[in-house]
Amino acid sequence: MTAAPKVEWSPWPGPQTLAIDCRADELFYGGAAGGGKSEALLGIAATQHRASIIFRREYPQLRGLIQRSHELFDSVGSFNSQSNQWRIGPRTVEFGAVQYEADVQKYQGRPHDLI
């Protein structure tokens, strides 16, 4: 049996490290662009969880996040652009958008341990 691919990512000291160590069921971060929130989402999803989904309000807002995910995951995983989903060994990282209230229905019945 071969070992699962390892994503080379480590949290920045401060808020990213606090997020990884947090035991809360829900965690909220705010702040200006460039603070490392999206980077933390990608890193935590790919190193700490099995089935993750990361939402933005609209699909165009996912472009930068997906681009950064390629920089982090291309060497260890495969990306399905039809489903906007990474497979990294036993882990999956999916991207979704919920612009309208009815869009929530698209994601029902699919378990995720990180949303």
PDB file of N, CA and C in Angstrom:
ATOM      1  N   MET A   1       0.840  -1.179   0.000  1.00  0.00           N
ATOM      2  CA  MET A   1       0.000   0.000   0.000  1.00  0.00           C
ATOM      3  C   MET A   1       0.886   1.243   0.000  1.00  0.00           C
ATOM      4  N   THR A   2       0.611   2.172  -0.921  1.00  0.00           N
ATOM      5  CA  THR A   2       1.416   3.386  -0.999  1.00  0.00           C
ATOM      6  C   THR A   2       0.846   4.462  -0.085  1.00  0.00           C
ATOM      7  N   ALA A   3       1.726   5.308   0.379  1.00  0.00           N
ATOM      8  CA  ALA A   3       1.308   6.388   1.273  1.00  0.00           C
ATOM      9  C   ALA A   3       0.540   7.443   0.485  1.00  0.00           C
ATOM     10  N   ALA A   4      -0.399   8.084   1.142  1.00  0.00           N
ATOM     11  CA  ALA A   4      -1.160   9.165   0.525  1.00  0.00           C
ATOM     12  C   ALA A   4      -0.228  10.331   0.234  1.00  0.00           C
ATOM     13  N   PRO A   5      -0.465  11.052  -0.871  1.00  0.00           N
ATOM     14  CA  PRO A   5       0.374  12.212  -1.173  1.00  0.00           C
ATOM     15  C   PRO A   5       0.306  13.246  -0.053  1.00  0.00           C
ATOM     16  N   LYS A   6       1.411  13.932   0.155  1.00  0.00           N
ATOM     17  CA  LYS A   6       1.471  14.923   1.222  1.00  0.00           C
ATOM     18  C   LYS A   6       1.526  16.318   0.622  1.00  0.00           C
ATOM     19  N   VAL A   7       0.596  17.145   1.012  1.00  0.00           N
ATOM     20  CA  VAL A   7       0.573  18.538   0.578  1.00  0.00           C
ATOM     21  C   VAL A   7       1.603  19.299   1.397  1.00  0.00           C
ATOM     22  N   GLU A   8       2.473  20.018   0.707  1.00  0.00           N
ATOM     23  CA  GLU A   8       3.496  20.819   1.382  1.00  0.00           C
ATOM     24  C   GLU A   8       2.915  22.176   1.734  1.00  0.00           C
ATOM     25  N   TRP A   9       2.344  22.262   2.904  1.00  0.00           N
ATOM     26  CA  TRP A   9       1.759  23.511   3.387  1.00  0.00           C
ATOM     27  C   TRP A   9       1.900  23.549   4.898  1.00  0.00           C
ATOM     28  N   SER A  10       2.238  24.706   5.418  1.00  0.00           N
ATOM     29  CA  SER A  10       2.240  24.888   6.861  1.00  0.00           C
ATOM     30  C   SER A  10       1.658  26.264   7.154  1.00  0.00           C
ATOM     31  N   PRO A  11       0.950  26.387   8.267  1.00  0.00           N
ATOM     32  CA  PRO A  11       0.278  27.653   8.579  1.00  0.00           C
ATOM     33  C   PRO A  11       1.259  28.748   8.958  1.00  0.00           C
ATOM     34  N   TRP A  12       0.869  29.969   8.663  1.00  0.00           N
ATOM     35  CA  TRP A  12       1.630  31.118   9.120  1.00  0.00           C
ATOM     36  C   TRP A  12       1.415  31.250  10.621  1.00  0.00           C
ATOM     37  N   PRO A  13       2.399  31.760  11.336  1.00  0.00           N
ATOM     38  CA  PRO A  13       2.193  32.017  12.769  1.00  0.00           C
ATOM     39  C   PRO A  13       1.055  33.023  12.951  1.00  0.00           C
ATOM     40  N   GLY A  14       0.297  32.852  13.987  1.00  0.00           N
ATOM     41  CA  GLY A  14      -0.810  33.771  14.266  1.00  0.00           C
ATOM     42  C   GLY A  14      -2.148  33.158  13.922  1.00  0.00           C
ATOM     43  N   PRO A  15      -3.009  33.886  13.181  1.00  0.00           N
ATOM     44  CA  PRO A  15      -4.368  33.429  12.931  1.00  0.00           C
ATOM     45  C   PRO A  15      -4.475  32.069  12.230  1.00  0.00           C
ATOM     46  N   GLN A  16      -3.604  31.775  11.269  1.00  0.00           N
ATOM     47  CA  GLN A  16      -3.686  30.469  10.608  1.00  0.00           C
ATOM     48  C   GLN A  16      -3.382  29.340  11.582  1.00  0.00           C
ATOM     49  N   THR A  17      -2.373  29.511  12.401  1.00  0.00           N
ATOM     50  CA  THR A  17      -2.034  28.496  13.407  1.00  0.00           C
ATOM     51  C   THR A  17      -3.165  28.361  14.417  1.00  0.00           C
ATOM     52  N   LEU A  18      -3.731  29.473  14.834  1.00  0.00           N
ATOM     53  CA  LEU A  18      -4.860  29.426  15.764  1.00  0.00           C
ATOM     54  C   LEU A  18      -6.043  28.689  15.142  1.00  0.00           C
ATOM     55  N   ALA A  19      -6.287  28.890  13.855  1.00  0.00           N
ATOM     56  CA  ALA A  19      -7.397  28.207  13.177  1.00  0.00           C
ATOM     57  C   ALA A  19      -7.197  26.701  13.166  1.00  0.00           C
ATOM     58  N   ILE A  20      -5.982  26.246  12.910  1.00  0.00           N
ATOM     59  CA  ILE A  20      -5.709  24.794  12.899  1.00  0.00           C
ATOM     60  C   ILE A  20      -5.896  24.200  14.283  1.00  0.00           C
ATOM     61  N   ASP A  21      -5.482  24.920  15.288  1.00  0.00           N
ATOM     62  CA  ASP A  21      -5.553  24.405  16.658  1.00  0.00           C
ATOM     63  C   ASP A  21      -6.930  24.560  17.296  1.00  0.00           C
ATOM     64  N   CYS A  22      -7.828  25.306  16.663  1.00  0.00           N
ATOM     65  CA  CYS A  22      -9.141  25.584  17.240  1.00  0.00           C
ATOM     66  C   CYS A  22     -10.003  24.321  17.278  1.00  0.00           C
ATOM     67  N   ARG A  23     -10.664  24.077  18.388  1.00  0.00           N
ATOM     68  CA  ARG A  23     -11.525  22.914  18.561  1.00  0.00           C
ATOM     69  C   ARG A  23     -13.003  23.235  18.331  1.00  0.00           C
ATOM     70  N   ALA A  24     -13.320  24.471  17.979  1.00  0.00           N
ATOM     71  CA  ALA A  24     -14.714  24.891  17.785  1.00  0.00           C
ATOM     72  C   ALA A  24     -15.318  24.226  16.553  1.00  0.00           C
ATOM     73  N   ASP A  25     -16.625  24.028  16.573  1.00  0.00           N
ATOM     74  CA  ASP A  25     -17.329  23.486  15.412  1.00  0.00           C
ATOM     75  C   ASP A  25     -17.472  24.525  14.305  1.00  0.00           C
ATOM     76  N   GLU A  26     -17.533  25.786  14.690  1.00  0.00           N
ATOM     77  CA  GLU A  26     -17.633  26.878  13.727  1.00  0.00           C
ATOM     78  C   GLU A  26     -16.578  27.921  14.044  1.00  0.00           C
ATOM     79  N   LEU A  27     -15.923  28.400  12.994  1.00  0.00           N
ATOM     80  CA  LEU A  27     -14.861  29.383  13.158  1.00  0.00           C
ATOM     81  C   LEU A  27     -15.082  30.487  12.135  1.00  0.00           C
ATOM     82  N   PHE A  28     -15.079  31.720  12.577  1.00  0.00           N
ATOM     83  CA  PHE A  28     -15.299  32.857  11.696  1.00  0.00           C
ATOM     84  C   PHE A  28     -14.068  33.763  11.717  1.00  0.00           C
ATOM     85  N   TYR A  29     -13.597  34.128  10.521  1.00  0.00           N
ATOM     86  CA  TYR A  29     -12.505  35.072  10.385  1.00  0.00           C
ATOM     87  C   TYR A  29     -12.945  36.179   9.454  1.00  0.00           C
ATOM     88  N   GLY A  30     -12.512  37.367   9.702  1.00  0.00           N
ATOM     89  CA  GLY A  30     -12.793  38.491   8.833  1.00  0.00           C
ATOM     90  C   GLY A  30     -11.523  39.270   8.604  1.00  0.00           C
ATOM     91  N   GLY A  31     -11.635  40.294   7.806  1.00  0.00           N
ATOM     92  CA  GLY A  31     -10.474  41.140   7.576  1.00  0.00           C
ATOM     93  C   GLY A  31     -10.255  41.421   6.107  1.00  0.00           C
ATOM     94  N   ALA A  32      -9.268  42.220   5.851  1.00  0.00           N
ATOM     95  CA  ALA A  32      -8.955  42.659   4.494  1.00  0.00           C
ATOM     96  C   ALA A  32      -8.358  41.524   3.667  1.00  0.00           C
ATOM     97  N   ALA A  33      -8.384  41.720   2.364  1.00  0.00           N
ATOM     98  CA  ALA A  33      -7.762  40.765   1.444  1.00  0.00           C
ATOM     99  C   ALA A  33      -6.270  40.673   1.738  1.00  0.00           C
ATOM    100  N   GLY A  34      -5.711  39.497   1.546  1.00  0.00           N
ATOM    101  CA  GLY A  34      -4.282  39.302   1.734  1.00  0.00           C
ATOM    102  C   GLY A  34      -3.879  38.864   3.128  1.00  0.00           C
ATOM    103  N   GLY A  35      -4.842  38.624   3.990  1.00  0.00           N
ATOM    104  CA  GLY A  35      -4.535  38.234   5.359  1.00  0.00           C
ATOM    105  C   GLY A  35      -4.290  36.753   5.557  1.00  0.00           C
ATOM    106  N   GLY A  36      -4.514  35.941   4.515  1.00  0.00           N
ATOM    107  CA  GLY A  36      -4.224  34.512   4.608  1.00  0.00           C
ATOM    108  C   GLY A  36      -5.417  33.629   4.914  1.00  0.00           C
ATOM    109  N   LYS A  37      -6.634  34.170   4.874  1.00  0.00           N
ATOM    110  CA  LYS A  37      -7.824  33.378   5.195  1.00  0.00           C
ATOM    111  C   LYS A  37      -8.049  32.277   4.166  1.00  0.00           C
ATOM    112  N   SER A  38      -8.000  32.625   2.880  1.00  0.00           N
ATOM    113  CA  SER A  38      -8.218  31.627   1.825  1.00  0.00           C
ATOM    114  C   SER A  38      -7.101  30.591   1.806  1.00  0.00           C
ATOM    115  N   GLU A  39      -5.888  31.048   2.003  1.00  0.00           N
ATOM    116  CA  GLU A  39      -4.738  30.140   2.068  1.00  0.00           C
ATOM    117  C   GLU A  39      -4.929  29.131   3.202  1.00  0.00           C
ATOM    118  N   ALA A  40      -5.400  29.605   4.342  1.00  0.00           N
ATOM    119  CA  ALA A  40      -5.649  28.716   5.475  1.00  0.00           C
ATOM    120  C   ALA A  40      -6.728  27.696   5.134  1.00  0.00           C
ATOM    121  N   LEU A  41      -7.791  28.135   4.462  1.00  0.00           N
ATOM    122  CA  LEU A  41      -8.845  27.197   4.056  1.00  0.00           C
ATOM    123  C   LEU A  41      -8.291  26.079   3.197  1.00  0.00           C
ATOM    124  N   LEU A  42      -7.492  26.429   2.207  1.00  0.00           N
ATOM    125  CA  LEU A  42      -6.917  25.421   1.322  1.00  0.00           C
ATOM    126  C   LEU A  42      -5.997  24.474   2.086  1.00  0.00           C
ATOM    127  N   GLY A  43      -5.121  25.036   2.899  1.00  0.00           N
ATOM    128  CA  GLY A  43      -4.170  24.208   3.636  1.00  0.00           C
ATOM    129  C   GLY A  43      -4.848  23.285   4.633  1.00  0.00           C
ATOM    130  N   ILE A  44      -5.805  23.808   5.379  1.00  0.00           N
ATOM    131  CA  ILE A  44      -6.503  22.995   6.367  1.00  0.00           C
ATOM    132  C   ILE A  44      -7.324  21.908   5.680  1.00  0.00           C
ATOM    133  N   ALA A  45      -7.991  22.259   4.574  1.00  0.00           N
ATOM    134  CA  ALA A  45      -8.787  21.270   3.843  1.00  0.00           C
ATOM    135  C   ALA A  45      -7.917  20.122   3.340  1.00  0.00           C
ATOM    136  N   ALA A  46      -6.736  20.447   2.839  1.00  0.00           N
ATOM    137  CA  ALA A  46      -5.883  19.429   2.220  1.00  0.00           C
ATOM    138  C   ALA A  46      -5.024  18.649   3.202  1.00  0.00           C
ATOM    139  N   THR A  47      -4.957  19.114   4.452  1.00  0.00           N
ATOM    140  CA  THR A  47      -4.093  18.414   5.408  1.00  0.00           C
ATOM    141  C   THR A  47      -4.834  17.861   6.616  1.00  0.00           C
ATOM    142  N   GLN A  48      -6.025  18.386   6.912  1.00  0.00           N
ATOM    143  CA  GLN A  48      -6.702  18.012   8.150  1.00  0.00           C
ATOM    144  C   GLN A  48      -8.059  17.323   7.941  1.00  0.00           C
ATOM    145  N   HIS A  49      -8.607  17.362   6.725  1.00  0.00           N
ATOM    146  CA  HIS A  49      -9.970  16.870   6.497  1.00  0.00           C
ATOM    147  C   HIS A  49     -10.032  15.931   5.307  1.00  0.00           C
ATOM    148  N   ARG A  50     -11.069  15.096   5.274  1.00  0.00           N
ATOM    149  CA  ARG A  50     -11.267  14.124   4.193  1.00  0.00           C
ATOM    150  C   ARG A  50     -12.092  14.665   3.038  1.00  0.00           C
ATOM    151  N   ALA A  51     -13.191  15.353   3.346  1.00  0.00           N
ATOM    152  CA  ALA A  51     -14.117  15.835   2.319  1.00  0.00           C
ATOM    153  C   ALA A  51     -14.483  17.276   2.629  1.00  0.00           C
ATOM    154  N   SER A  52     -13.844  18.197   1.930  1.00  0.00           N
ATOM    155  CA  SER A  52     -14.025  19.626   2.201  1.00  0.00           C
ATOM    156  C   SER A  52     -14.724  20.302   1.039  1.00  0.00           C
ATOM    157  N   ILE A  53     -15.455  21.348   1.361  1.00  0.00           N
ATOM    158  CA  ILE A  53     -16.030  22.200   0.320  1.00  0.00           C
ATOM    159  C   ILE A  53     -15.845  23.643   0.753  1.00  0.00           C
ATOM    160  N   ILE A  54     -15.397  24.461  -0.189  1.00  0.00           N
ATOM    161  CA  ILE A  54     -15.139  25.877   0.067  1.00  0.00           C
ATOM    162  C   ILE A  54     -16.066  26.679  -0.835  1.00  0.00           C
ATOM    163  N   PHE A  55     -16.868  27.522  -0.214  1.00  0.00           N
ATOM    164  CA  PHE A  55     -17.858  28.304  -0.946  1.00  0.00           C
ATOM    165  C   PHE A  55     -17.432  29.750  -1.126  1.00  0.00           C
ATOM    166  N   ARG A  56     -17.896  30.306  -2.213  1.00  0.00           N
ATOM    167  CA  ARG A  56     -17.896  31.740  -2.446  1.00  0.00           C
ATOM    168  C   ARG A  56     -19.310  32.090  -2.907  1.00  0.00           C
ATOM    169  N   ARG A  57     -19.642  33.352  -2.878  1.00  0.00           N
ATOM    170  CA  ARG A  57     -20.987  33.774  -3.273  1.00  0.00           C
ATOM    171  C   ARG A  57     -21.236  33.452  -4.749  1.00  0.00           C
ATOM    172  N   GLU A  58     -20.287  33.770  -5.625  1.00  0.00           N
ATOM    173  CA  GLU A  58     -20.449  33.569  -7.065  1.00  0.00           C
ATOM    174  C   GLU A  58     -19.239  32.822  -7.613  1.00  0.00           C
ATOM    175  N   TYR A  59     -19.454  32.063  -8.701  1.00  0.00           N
ATOM    176  CA  TYR A  59     -18.351  31.296  -9.283  1.00  0.00           C
ATOM    177  C   TYR A  59     -17.148  32.145  -9.693  1.00  0.00           C
ATOM    178  N   PRO A  60     -17.327  33.347 -10.274  1.00  0.00           N
ATOM    179  CA  PRO A  60     -16.138  34.141 -10.631  1.00  0.00           C
ATOM    180  C   PRO A  60     -15.239  34.440  -9.432  1.00  0.00           C
ATOM    181  N   GLN A  61     -15.806  34.485  -8.235  1.00  0.00           N
ATOM    182  CA  GLN A  61     -15.013  34.745  -7.039  1.00  0.00           C
ATOM    183  C   GLN A  61     -14.132  33.554  -6.663  1.00  0.00           C
ATOM    184  N   LEU A  62     -14.345  32.427  -7.302  1.00  0.00           N
ATOM    185  CA  LEU A  62     -13.532  31.232  -7.027  1.00  0.00           C
ATOM    186  C   LEU A  62     -12.235  31.210  -7.828  1.00  0.00           C
ATOM    187  N   ARG A  63     -12.129  32.023  -8.871  1.00  0.00           N
ATOM    188  CA  ARG A  63     -10.971  31.944  -9.779  1.00  0.00           C
ATOM    189  C   ARG A  63      -9.628  32.014  -9.061  1.00  0.00           C
ATOM    190  N   GLY A  64      -9.448  33.022  -8.229  1.00  0.00           N
ATOM    191  CA  GLY A  64      -8.175  33.181  -7.536  1.00  0.00           C
ATOM    192  C   GLY A  64      -7.893  32.029  -6.585  1.00  0.00           C
ATOM    193  N   LEU A  65      -8.928  31.545  -5.936  1.00  0.00           N
ATOM    194  CA  LEU A  65      -8.783  30.429  -5.002  1.00  0.00           C
ATOM    195  C   LEU A  65      -8.399  29.142  -5.741  1.00  0.00           C
ATOM    196  N   ILE A  66      -9.045  28.896  -6.863  1.00  0.00           N
ATOM    197  CA  ILE A  66      -8.717  27.710  -7.657  1.00  0.00           C
ATOM    198  C   ILE A  66      -7.306  27.826  -8.226  1.00  0.00           C
ATOM    199  N   GLN A  67      -6.937  29.025  -8.667  1.00  0.00           N
ATOM    200  CA  GLN A  67      -5.582  29.232  -9.176  1.00  0.00           C
ATOM    201  C   GLN A  67      -4.544  28.923  -8.094  1.00  0.00           C
ATOM    202  N   ARG A  68      -4.762  29.417  -6.892  1.00  0.00           N
ATOM    203  CA  ARG A  68      -3.830  29.144  -5.789  1.00  0.00           C
ATOM    204  C   ARG A  68      -3.821  27.665  -5.448  1.00  0.00           C
ATOM    205  N   SER A  69      -4.977  27.007  -5.536  1.00  0.00           N
ATOM    206  CA  SER A  69      -5.016  25.568  -5.241  1.00  0.00           C
ATOM    207  C   SER A  69      -4.150  24.789  -6.228  1.00  0.00           C
ATOM    208  N   HIS A  70      -4.100  25.232  -7.474  1.00  0.00           N
ATOM    209  CA  HIS A  70      -3.226  24.565  -8.450  1.00  0.00           C
ATOM    210  C   HIS A  70      -1.758  24.699  -8.040  1.00  0.00           C
ATOM    211  N   GLU A  71      -1.389  25.856  -7.542  1.00  0.00           N
ATOM    212  CA  GLU A  71      -0.010  26.052  -7.098  1.00  0.00           C
ATOM    213  C   GLU A  71       0.328  25.111  -5.942  1.00  0.00           C
ATOM    214  N   LEU A  72      -0.633  24.873  -5.065  1.00  0.00           N
ATOM    215  CA  LEU A  72      -0.396  24.023  -3.901  1.00  0.00           C
ATOM    216  C   LEU A  72      -0.545  22.530  -4.189  1.00  0.00           C
ATOM    217  N   PHE A  73      -1.484  22.159  -5.068  1.00  0.00           N
ATOM    218  CA  PHE A  73      -1.887  20.761  -5.178  1.00  0.00           C
ATOM    219  C   PHE A  73      -1.512  20.066  -6.480  1.00  0.00           C
ATOM    220  N   ASP A  74      -1.071  20.775  -7.510  1.00  0.00           N
ATOM    221  CA  ASP A  74      -0.802  20.129  -8.807  1.00  0.00           C
ATOM    222  C   ASP A  74       0.143  18.938  -8.694  1.00  0.00           C
ATOM    223  N   SER A  75       1.118  19.014  -7.823  1.00  0.00           N
ATOM    224  CA  SER A  75       2.119  17.944  -7.742  1.00  0.00           C
ATOM    225  C   SER A  75       1.631  16.732  -6.943  1.00  0.00           C
ATOM    226  N   VAL A  76       0.509  16.869  -6.242  1.00  0.00           N
ATOM    227  CA  VAL A  76       0.054  15.774  -5.374  1.00  0.00           C
ATOM    228  C   VAL A  76      -1.372  15.307  -5.645  1.00  0.00           C
ATOM    229  N   GLY A  77      -2.081  15.997  -6.524  1.00  0.00           N
ATOM    230  CA  GLY A  77      -3.479  15.644  -6.741  1.00  0.00           C
ATOM    231  C   GLY A  77      -3.917  15.851  -8.165  1.00  0.00           C
ATOM    232  N   SER A  78      -5.194  15.567  -8.413  1.00  0.00           N
ATOM    233  CA  SER A  78      -5.768  15.784  -9.733  1.00  0.00           C
ATOM    234  C   SER A  78      -7.028  16.619  -9.588  1.00  0.00           C
ATOM    235  N   PHE A  79      -7.204  17.558 -10.518  1.00  0.00           N
ATOM    236  CA  PHE A  79      -8.322  18.489 -10.470  1.00  0.00           C
ATOM    237  C   PHE A  79      -9.303  18.171 -11.569  1.00  0.00           C
ATOM    238  N   ASN A  80     -10.582  18.047 -11.210  1.00  0.00           N
ATOM    239  CA  ASN A  80     -11.656  17.857 -12.176  1.00  0.00           C
ATOM    240  C   ASN A  80     -12.332  19.209 -12.359  1.00  0.00           C
ATOM    241  N   SER A  81     -12.125  19.834 -13.510  1.00  0.00           N
ATOM    242  CA  SER A  81     -12.669  21.170 -13.734  1.00  0.00           C
ATOM    243  C   SER A  81     -14.174  21.146 -13.950  1.00  0.00           C
ATOM    244  N   GLN A  82     -14.747  19.996 -14.303  1.00  0.00           N
ATOM    245  CA  GLN A  82     -16.199  19.907 -14.456  1.00  0.00           C
ATOM    246  C   GLN A  82     -16.904  20.006 -13.106  1.00  0.00           C
ATOM    247  N   SER A  83     -16.333  19.364 -12.098  1.00  0.00           N
ATOM    248  CA  SER A  83     -16.952  19.376 -10.766  1.00  0.00           C
ATOM    249  C   SER A  83     -16.256  20.349  -9.805  1.00  0.00           C
ATOM    250  N   ASN A  84     -15.210  21.032 -10.280  1.00  0.00           N
ATOM    251  CA  ASN A  84     -14.427  21.939  -9.421  1.00  0.00           C
ATOM    252  C   ASN A  84     -13.979  21.225  -8.158  1.00  0.00           C
ATOM    253  N   GLN A  85     -13.357  20.082  -8.338  1.00  0.00           N
ATOM    254  CA  GLN A  85     -12.988  19.257  -7.190  1.00  0.00           C
ATOM    255  C   GLN A  85     -11.586  18.663  -7.366  1.00  0.00           C
ATOM    256  N   TRP A  86     -10.820  18.755  -6.283  1.00  0.00           N
ATOM    257  CA  TRP A  86      -9.515  18.114  -6.199  1.00  0.00           C
ATOM    258  C   TRP A  86      -9.665  16.746  -5.560  1.00  0.00           C
ATOM    259  N   ARG A  87      -8.873  15.801  -6.025  1.00  0.00           N
ATOM    260  CA  ARG A  87      -8.700  14.525  -5.340  1.00  0.00           C
ATOM    261  C   ARG A  87      -7.224  14.444  -5.008  1.00  0.00           C
ATOM    262  N   ILE A  88      -6.952  14.380  -3.704  1.00  0.00           N
ATOM    263  CA  ILE A  88      -5.579  14.317  -3.204  1.00  0.00           C
ATOM    264  C   ILE A  88      -5.507  13.071  -2.325  1.00  0.00           C
ATOM    265  N   GLY A  89      -5.147  11.942  -2.930  1.00  0.00           N
ATOM    266  CA  GLY A  89      -5.189  10.674  -2.196  1.00  0.00           C
ATOM    267  C   GLY A  89      -6.610  10.435  -1.721  1.00  0.00           C
ATOM    268  N   PRO A  90      -6.805  10.183  -0.423  1.00  0.00           N
ATOM    269  CA  PRO A  90      -8.155   9.934   0.084  1.00  0.00           C
ATOM    270  C   PRO A  90      -8.959  11.222   0.346  1.00  0.00           C
ATOM    271  N   ARG A  91      -8.349  12.363   0.152  1.00  0.00           N
ATOM    272  CA  ARG A  91      -9.006  13.639   0.457  1.00  0.00           C
ATOM    273  C   ARG A  91      -9.626  14.253  -0.801  1.00  0.00           C
ATOM    274  N   THR A  92     -10.711  14.995  -0.586  1.00  0.00           N
ATOM    275  CA  THR A  92     -11.288  15.792  -1.663  1.00  0.00           C
ATOM    276  C   THR A  92     -11.456  17.226  -1.170  1.00  0.00           C
ATOM    277  N   VAL A  93     -11.208  18.153  -2.081  1.00  0.00           N
ATOM    278  CA  VAL A  93     -11.426  19.572  -1.820  1.00  0.00           C
ATOM    279  C   VAL A  93     -12.263  20.084  -2.987  1.00  0.00           C
ATOM    280  N   GLU A  94     -13.478  20.514  -2.678  1.00  0.00           N
ATOM    281  CA  GLU A  94     -14.430  20.949  -3.692  1.00  0.00           C
ATOM    282  C   GLU A  94     -14.684  22.450  -3.546  1.00  0.00           C
ATOM    283  N   PHE A  95     -15.004  23.092  -4.659  1.00  0.00           N
ATOM    284  CA  PHE A  95     -15.328  24.507  -4.659  1.00  0.00           C
ATOM    285  C   PHE A  95     -16.760  24.680  -5.144  1.00  0.00           C
ATOM    286  N   GLY A  96     -17.522  25.562  -4.484  1.00  0.00           N
ATOM    287  CA  GLY A  96     -18.902  25.776  -4.872  1.00  0.00           C
ATOM    288  C   GLY A  96     -19.314  27.216  -4.681  1.00  0.00           C
ATOM    289  N   ALA A  97     -20.448  27.556  -5.290  1.00  0.00           N
ATOM    290  CA  ALA A  97     -20.999  28.905  -5.172  1.00  0.00           C
ATOM    291  C   ALA A  97     -22.479  28.821  -4.822  1.00  0.00           C
ATOM    292  N   VAL A  98     -22.903  29.719  -3.953  1.00  0.00           N
ATOM    293  CA  VAL A  98     -24.298  29.785  -3.532  1.00  0.00           C
ATOM    294  C   VAL A  98     -24.737  31.244  -3.645  1.00  0.00           C
ATOM    295  N   GLN A  99     -25.069  31.638  -4.873  1.00  0.00           N
ATOM    296  CA  GLN A  99     -25.469  33.023  -5.104  1.00  0.00           C
ATOM    297  C   GLN A  99     -26.910  33.257  -4.646  1.00  0.00           C
ATOM    298  N   TYR A 100     -27.761  32.262  -4.856  1.00  0.00           N
ATOM    299  CA  TYR A 100     -29.175  32.391  -4.512  1.00  0.00           C
ATOM    300  C   TYR A 100     -29.552  31.333  -3.481  1.00  0.00           C
ATOM    301  N   GLU A 101     -30.562  31.605  -2.708  1.00  0.00           N
ATOM    302  CA  GLU A 101     -30.987  30.676  -1.656  1.00  0.00           C
ATOM    303  C   GLU A 101     -31.270  29.281  -2.215  1.00  0.00           C
ATOM    304  N   ALA A 102     -31.845  29.187  -3.390  1.00  0.00           N
ATOM    305  CA  ALA A 102     -32.164  27.892  -3.995  1.00  0.00           C
ATOM    306  C   ALA A 102     -30.911  27.095  -4.356  1.00  0.00           C
ATOM    307  N   ASP A 103     -29.771  27.759  -4.509  1.00  0.00           N
ATOM    308  CA  ASP A 103     -28.527  27.070  -4.859  1.00  0.00           C
ATOM    309  C   ASP A 103     -28.078  26.097  -3.778  1.00  0.00           C
ATOM    310  N   VAL A 104     -28.552  26.284  -2.565  1.00  0.00           N
ATOM    311  CA  VAL A 104     -28.179  25.400  -1.457  1.00  0.00           C
ATOM    312  C   VAL A 104     -28.592  23.960  -1.770  1.00  0.00           C
ATOM    313  N   GLN A 105     -29.688  23.786  -2.490  1.00  0.00           N
ATOM    314  CA  GLN A 105     -30.204  22.455  -2.818  1.00  0.00           C
ATOM    315  C   GLN A 105     -29.177  21.608  -3.593  1.00  0.00           C
ATOM    316  N   LYS A 106     -28.325  22.253  -4.378  1.00  0.00           N
ATOM    317  CA  LYS A 106     -27.325  21.530  -5.178  1.00  0.00           C
ATOM    318  C   LYS A 106     -26.340  20.754  -4.316  1.00  0.00           C
ATOM    319  N   TYR A 107     -26.183  21.164  -3.066  1.00  0.00           N
ATOM    320  CA  TYR A 107     -25.148  20.585  -2.221  1.00  0.00           C
ATOM    321  C   TYR A 107     -25.702  19.671  -1.129  1.00  0.00           C
ATOM    322  N   GLN A 108     -27.009  19.487  -1.073  1.00  0.00           N
ATOM    323  CA  GLN A 108     -27.605  18.635  -0.052  1.00  0.00           C
ATOM    324  C   GLN A 108     -27.284  17.171  -0.319  1.00  0.00           C
ATOM    325  N   GLY A 109     -27.137  16.414   0.756  1.00  0.00           N
ATOM    326  CA  GLY A 109     -26.914  14.978   0.644  1.00  0.00           C
ATOM    327  C   GLY A 109     -25.488  14.577   0.350  1.00  0.00           C
ATOM    328  N   ARG A 110     -24.591  15.525   0.292  1.00  0.00           N
ATOM    329  CA  ARG A 110     -23.177  15.214   0.056  1.00  0.00           C
ATOM    330  C   ARG A 110     -22.405  15.606   1.312  1.00  0.00           C
ATOM    331  N   PRO A 111     -21.981  14.620   2.074  1.00  0.00           N
ATOM    332  CA  PRO A 111     -21.327  14.939   3.355  1.00  0.00           C
ATOM    333  C   PRO A 111     -19.960  15.575   3.171  1.00  0.00           C
ATOM    334  N   HIS A 112     -19.682  16.537   4.021  1.00  0.00           N
ATOM    335  CA  HIS A 112     -18.374  17.197   4.076  1.00  0.00           C
ATOM    336  C   HIS A 112     -18.003  17.358   5.537  1.00  0.00           C
ATOM    337  N   ASP A 113     -16.743  17.144   5.851  1.00  0.00           N
ATOM    338  CA  ASP A 113     -16.309  17.359   7.232  1.00  0.00           C
ATOM    339  C   ASP A 113     -15.678  18.737   7.430  1.00  0.00           C
ATOM    340  N   LEU A 114     -15.555  19.515   6.360  1.00  0.00           N
ATOM    341  CA  LEU A 114     -15.142  20.910   6.434  1.00  0.00           C
ATOM    342  C   LEU A 114     -15.952  21.697   5.423  1.00  0.00           C
ATOM    343  N   ILE A 115     -16.679  22.668   5.903  1.00  0.00           N
ATOM    344  CA  ILE A 115     -17.485  23.520   5.020  1.00  0.00           C
ATOM    345  C   ILE A 115     -17.064  24.956   5.292  1.00  0.00           C
TER     346      ILE A 115
END
